[in-house]
Protein backbone atom coordinates (compact mmCIF):
# COMPACT_ATOMS: atom_id res chain seq x y z
CA LEU A 1 125.65 -106.21 45.05
CA LEU A 2 128.39 -108.78 45.65
CA LEU A 3 127.57 -108.77 49.30
CA HIS A 4 123.88 -109.56 48.64
CA ILE A 5 124.87 -112.39 46.25
CA ARG A 6 127.19 -113.82 48.93
CA ILE A 7 124.34 -113.57 51.52
CA ARG A 8 121.93 -115.41 49.22
CA GLU A 9 124.56 -118.14 48.63
CA LYS A 10 125.24 -118.51 52.34
CA MET A 11 121.53 -118.61 53.21
CA GLY A 12 120.60 -121.27 50.79
CA LYS A 13 117.29 -122.69 51.97
CA SER A 14 117.91 -121.79 55.64
CA GLU A 15 115.41 -119.47 57.30
CA LYS A 16 117.09 -119.66 60.66
CA LEU A 17 119.74 -117.12 61.89
CA ASN A 18 122.25 -117.40 64.63
CA LEU A 19 123.58 -113.92 65.53
CA GLY A 20 126.81 -113.51 67.39
CA CYS A 21 127.49 -117.29 67.03
CA GLY A 22 131.07 -117.19 68.48
CA SER A 23 132.06 -120.87 69.04
CA ASP A 24 128.43 -122.03 68.81
CA TYR A 25 128.33 -122.69 65.01
CA ARG A 26 124.99 -124.31 64.24
CA GLU A 27 124.26 -126.48 61.20
CA GLY A 28 121.02 -125.48 59.40
CA PHE A 29 121.45 -121.91 60.51
CA VAL A 30 122.99 -118.84 58.88
CA ASN A 31 125.73 -118.14 61.50
CA VAL A 32 126.83 -114.53 61.89
CA ASP A 33 129.68 -112.96 63.84
CA TYR A 34 131.82 -109.84 63.85
CA ASP A 35 134.97 -111.65 64.89
CA LYS A 36 136.62 -113.19 61.81
CA SER A 37 138.69 -115.48 64.01
CA VAL A 38 135.59 -117.64 64.67
CA LYS A 39 133.78 -119.83 62.17
CA ALA A 40 130.74 -118.15 60.71
CA ASP A 41 128.84 -117.86 57.44
CA LEU A 42 128.65 -114.12 57.45
CA TYR A 43 130.62 -111.41 59.18
CA PHE A 44 129.26 -107.96 60.05
CA ASP A 45 128.88 -105.61 62.89
CA LEU A 46 125.65 -106.39 64.83
CA GLN A 47 125.48 -102.82 66.10
CA ASN A 48 124.72 -101.56 62.63
CA LYS A 49 121.76 -102.22 60.31
CA PHE A 50 121.95 -105.83 59.20
CA PRO A 51 122.70 -106.37 55.42
CA LEU A 52 119.60 -108.69 55.35
CA LYS A 53 116.20 -108.16 53.79
CA ASP A 54 113.00 -107.53 55.58
CA HIS A 55 110.76 -110.50 56.58
CA THR A 56 113.36 -113.10 55.64
CA PHE A 57 113.72 -115.46 58.66
CA ASP A 58 111.45 -117.73 60.62
CA PHE A 59 113.70 -118.01 63.63
CA VAL A 60 116.48 -115.92 65.09
CA VAL A 61 118.71 -116.87 68.02
CA ALA A 62 121.14 -114.56 69.86
CA GLN A 63 122.92 -116.12 72.82
CA ASP A 64 125.15 -114.02 75.08
CA VAL A 65 124.98 -111.04 72.75
CA LEU A 66 122.64 -108.39 74.13
CA GLU A 67 124.67 -107.64 77.17
CA HIS A 68 127.65 -106.54 75.10
CA PHE A 69 125.60 -103.55 73.73
CA THR A 70 124.67 -100.30 75.41
CA LYS A 71 121.00 -100.00 76.28
CA GLU A 72 120.50 -97.86 73.20
CA ASP A 73 122.32 -100.18 70.81
CA ALA A 74 120.47 -103.22 72.25
CA THR A 75 117.15 -101.50 71.37
CA LYS A 76 118.37 -100.98 67.83
CA PHE A 77 119.46 -104.68 67.66
CA ILE A 78 116.03 -105.95 68.75
CA LYS A 79 114.36 -103.66 66.15
CA GLU A 80 116.60 -105.15 63.49
CA ILE A 81 115.68 -108.65 64.57
CA SER A 82 112.05 -107.61 64.26
CA ARG A 83 112.59 -106.18 60.87
CA ILE A 84 114.20 -109.29 59.35
CA LEU A 85 111.78 -111.79 60.95
CA LYS A 86 108.67 -112.87 59.09
CA SER A 87 105.31 -112.24 60.67
CA LYS A 88 104.86 -114.70 63.47
CA GLY A 89 108.53 -115.47 63.32
CA LYS A 90 110.28 -116.40 66.65
CA VAL A 91 113.32 -115.08 68.48
CA GLU A 92 115.29 -116.53 71.30
CA VAL A 93 117.68 -114.42 73.33
CA ARG A 94 119.89 -115.40 76.25
CA VAL A 95 121.32 -112.78 78.68
CA PRO A 96 122.86 -112.91 82.21
CA ASN A 97 120.42 -113.00 85.14
CA VAL A 98 121.95 -110.23 87.29
CA TYR A 99 120.09 -111.10 90.51
CA GLU A 100 120.88 -114.85 90.22
CA ILE A 101 124.49 -114.08 89.69
CA LEU A 102 124.64 -111.96 92.74
CA ASP A 103 122.80 -114.57 94.84
CA LYS A 104 124.79 -117.57 93.66
CA PHE A 105 128.29 -116.06 93.79
CA TYR A 106 127.89 -113.50 96.57
CA SER A 107 130.83 -114.99 98.51
CA ASP A 108 133.10 -114.80 95.44
CA PRO A 109 133.41 -111.21 94.24
CA LEU A 110 135.80 -112.00 91.36
CA VAL A 111 133.32 -114.42 89.83
CA VAL A 112 130.48 -111.96 90.30
CA MET A 113 132.46 -109.25 88.48
CA HIS A 114 133.32 -111.66 85.70
CA PHE A 115 129.72 -112.65 85.12
CA LEU A 116 128.43 -109.13 85.37
CA TYR A 117 131.06 -107.16 83.42
CA GLY A 118 132.39 -109.77 81.03
CA ASP A 119 135.74 -111.10 80.06
CA THR A 120 138.09 -108.63 78.34
CA THR A 121 141.19 -110.82 78.27
CA GLN A 122 140.70 -111.15 74.44
CA GLY A 123 139.73 -107.54 73.93
CA ILE A 124 137.01 -105.00 74.45
CA LEU A 125 134.40 -107.03 72.59
CA GLY A 126 134.14 -109.18 75.71
CA ALA A 127 132.90 -106.28 77.86
CA HIS A 128 129.23 -106.27 79.20
CA LYS A 129 127.69 -102.88 78.87
CA TYR A 130 124.23 -103.33 80.34
CA GLY A 131 122.22 -105.72 82.59
CA TYR A 132 118.70 -107.13 82.42
CA THR A 133 115.77 -108.03 84.65
CA GLU A 134 112.60 -109.71 83.65
CA LYS A 135 110.70 -106.42 83.66
CA ILE A 136 113.28 -104.70 81.44
CA LEU A 137 113.30 -107.58 78.99
CA LYS A 138 109.53 -107.68 78.65
CA LYS A 139 109.44 -104.03 77.95
CA LEU A 140 112.28 -104.19 75.51
CA PHE A 141 110.52 -106.82 73.37
CA SER A 142 106.97 -105.62 73.71
CA VAL A 143 107.70 -102.09 72.53
CA ASN A 144 109.60 -103.44 69.54
CA GLY A 145 106.93 -105.48 67.88
CA PHE A 146 106.87 -108.82 69.87
CA ASN A 147 104.24 -110.66 71.77
CA ASN A 148 103.90 -114.03 73.53
CA ILE A 149 106.97 -113.10 75.47
CA GLN A 150 108.23 -115.87 77.74
CA ILE A 151 111.18 -115.53 80.13
CA LYS A 152 112.73 -118.64 81.71
CA LYS A 153 115.56 -118.83 84.20
CA GLN A 154 118.47 -121.07 83.02
CA ASP A 155 121.23 -121.33 85.55
CA THR A 156 122.62 -117.79 85.78
CA ASN A 157 120.85 -116.64 82.64
CA PHE A 158 117.48 -115.50 81.34
CA VAL A 159 116.26 -117.11 78.16
CA VAL A 160 113.67 -114.99 76.34
CA THR A 161 111.44 -116.35 73.57
CA ALA A 162 108.99 -114.15 71.76
CA THR A 163 106.91 -113.97 68.57
CA LYS A 164 106.87 -111.14 66.08
CA SER A 165 103.44 -109.50 65.93
CA VAL A 166 101.35 -110.06 62.84
CA ILE A 167 102.07 -107.37 60.18
CA PRO A 168 98.70 -105.41 59.64
CA ALA A 169 97.00 -105.43 56.24
CA HIS A 170 98.15 -101.81 55.81
CA ALA A 171 101.79 -102.91 55.78
CA GLY A 172 104.32 -100.17 56.33
CA ILE A 173 102.36 -98.53 59.23
CA HIS A 174 103.78 -99.32 62.63
CA THR A 175 101.20 -100.44 65.23
CA ASN A 176 101.38 -99.61 68.91
CA ASN A 177 99.38 -100.44 72.00
CA ILE A 178 98.09 -97.12 73.33
CA MET A 179 96.10 -96.38 76.51
CA ILE A 180 93.94 -93.33 76.50
CA SER A 181 92.35 -91.91 79.68
CA LEU A 182 89.10 -89.91 79.40
CA GLN A 183 87.90 -88.56 82.68
CA ASP A 184 84.18 -87.86 83.18
CA SER A 185 83.74 -84.07 83.08
CA GLY A 186 79.93 -84.23 83.03
CA GLY A 187 79.52 -83.83 79.32
CA LEU A 188 81.25 -83.76 75.97
CA GLY A 189 83.19 -80.55 75.35
CA GLY A 190 86.05 -79.65 73.01
CA ALA A 191 88.68 -81.61 74.83
CA GLU A 192 86.47 -84.75 75.03
CA ASN A 193 85.54 -84.56 71.34
CA PHE A 194 89.17 -84.18 70.42
CA ILE A 195 90.10 -87.27 72.49
CA LEU A 196 87.33 -89.31 70.77
CA TRP A 197 88.51 -88.03 67.33
CA LEU A 198 92.08 -88.89 68.19
CA SER A 199 91.13 -92.31 69.33
CA ARG A 200 89.29 -93.10 66.10
CA SER A 201 92.19 -91.84 64.06
CA LEU A 202 94.72 -94.02 65.88
CA GLU A 203 92.52 -97.07 65.51
CA ASP A 204 92.11 -96.42 61.77
CA LYS A 205 95.92 -96.55 61.55
CA GLY A 206 96.08 -99.95 63.14
CA ASN A 207 96.92 -99.02 66.68
CA LYS A 208 95.33 -101.00 69.54
CA LEU A 209 93.70 -98.75 72.18
CA SER A 210 92.66 -99.52 75.73
């Protein structure tokens, strides 16, 4: 209870969240970090469920955070962002551009390794645990409730912006984009009728079929 009171006090009227702020403390944002040696408004482990309510924020930014998680924890992280964003809320995430790093610093292996694997001089929190391409990023966001996914190259980074999909009227039911293939067998038999029934059932639950 005390934690939630403190969160409400820190949030005030701000509906913008800066996750893993590090030295990038932003005015007008609720700034979050795990490391209590940096200035932040709230401190908690971003690998766990956020102590924040559903559909709270209009905008979430996370710069240089995702690469510090395993692939599986990164998926949980993006799901948590989706959970706390309002419908049509926006997210901006920055991660290293692996191919650009290799191309730009090919002749300097030490710099390449630093960019790819992180800086652990201050501890294990600085280690990079996974890398991203445009294809991987698009899939990560699209399967976790985002659309209007835009990916821009920024020096040796990718900057991803995306919009949370509109919550359906039957809130609480997760929607998916599903492709169903029905081959022509010359007529409607048991299998074909089952596929048609399944398609209608999925659509009734808010899924988009193609």
